[in-house]
Amino acid sequence: TLTRMLVQTESGPVLYDFRRRPPQVQRVGVRMTVKRVFWQGDEVVMQGSQGWFRFQRGVLTKLQSSTTTYH
């Protein structure tokens, strides 16, 4: 069952959360190409060409370093 999805668009990633009714759609608002994505709860961690970023509660934050393990 598909519960969450990231779609690459020209204006940047768009996150879909199908666990909610109606599905929640969040636009990251920054143009970036995502190489990897990890979902953990309501937090999304993405690796782009400029480094690692966290997207949580509508806020995109560039990560400097992390001791959190994502899987």
Protein backbone atom coordinates (compact mmCIF):
# COMPACT_ATOMS: atom_id res chain seq x y z
CA THR A 1 0.00 0.00 0.00
CA LEU A 2 1.31 3.42 -0.98
CA THR A 3 1.20 5.76 2.02
CA ARG A 4 3.60 8.58 1.07
CA MET A 5 5.18 9.76 -2.15
CA LEU A 6 7.60 12.43 -3.37
CA VAL A 7 7.17 13.80 -6.89
CA GLN A 8 9.90 15.82 -8.62
CA THR A 9 8.51 18.88 -10.41
CA GLU A 10 10.17 21.83 -12.15
CA SER A 11 9.42 24.02 -9.14
CA GLY A 12 10.75 21.50 -6.61
CA PRO A 13 9.64 18.39 -4.72
CA VAL A 14 6.00 17.85 -3.82
CA LEU A 15 5.20 15.52 -0.92
CA TYR A 16 1.98 13.52 -0.80
CA ASP A 17 0.76 11.86 2.41
CA PHE A 18 -2.01 9.36 1.66
CA ARG A 19 -2.37 8.35 5.31
CA ARG A 20 -4.71 11.34 5.75
CA ARG A 21 -8.14 11.86 4.25
CA PRO A 22 -8.12 13.87 2.07
CA PRO A 23 -4.44 13.32 1.19
CA GLN A 24 -2.09 16.05 2.42
CA VAL A 25 -0.04 17.79 -0.28
CA GLN A 26 3.02 19.84 0.68
CA ARG A 27 5.24 21.75 -1.71
CA VAL A 28 8.80 22.17 -0.51
CA GLY A 29 9.06 25.52 -2.31
CA VAL A 30 12.73 25.19 -3.27
CA ARG A 31 14.01 23.95 -6.60
CA MET A 32 16.14 20.89 -5.93
CA THR A 33 16.77 17.46 -7.35
CA VAL A 34 16.27 14.80 -4.70
CA LYS A 35 18.68 11.85 -4.80
CA ARG A 36 17.48 10.07 -1.65
CA VAL A 37 14.51 10.48 0.66
CA PHE A 38 13.82 9.06 4.12
CA TRP A 39 10.50 9.29 5.95
CA GLN A 40 10.31 9.06 9.72
CA GLY A 41 7.01 10.02 11.27
CA ASP A 42 6.07 13.47 9.98
CA GLU A 43 9.69 14.31 9.16
CA VAL A 44 11.17 13.96 5.68
CA VAL A 45 14.95 13.95 5.14
CA MET A 46 16.15 14.47 1.57
CA GLN A 47 19.56 14.40 -0.05
CA GLY A 48 19.92 16.92 -2.86
CA SER A 49 22.83 18.27 -4.83
CA GLN A 50 23.38 20.96 -2.16
CA GLY A 51 23.48 18.49 0.77
CA TRP A 52 20.98 17.05 3.22
CA PHE A 53 17.72 18.78 4.17
CA ARG A 54 14.92 18.13 6.64
CA PHE A 55 11.33 19.08 5.82
CA GLN A 56 9.05 19.13 8.84
CA ARG A 57 5.84 21.07 9.52
CA GLY A 58 6.28 23.03 6.29
CA VAL A 59 9.83 24.19 7.13
CA LEU A 60 12.89 23.18 5.08
CA THR A 61 16.14 23.12 7.07
CA LYS A 62 19.64 22.38 5.77
CA LEU A 63 21.27 19.75 7.96
CA GLN A 64 24.87 20.29 9.03
CA SER A 65 25.38 16.89 10.67
CA SER A 66 23.11 14.39 12.29
CA THR A 67 23.39 11.55 14.76
CA THR A 68 19.84 10.42 13.92
CA THR A 69 19.65 7.13 12.00
CA TYR A 70 17.08 7.03 9.21
CA HIS A 71 15.86 3.80 7.66
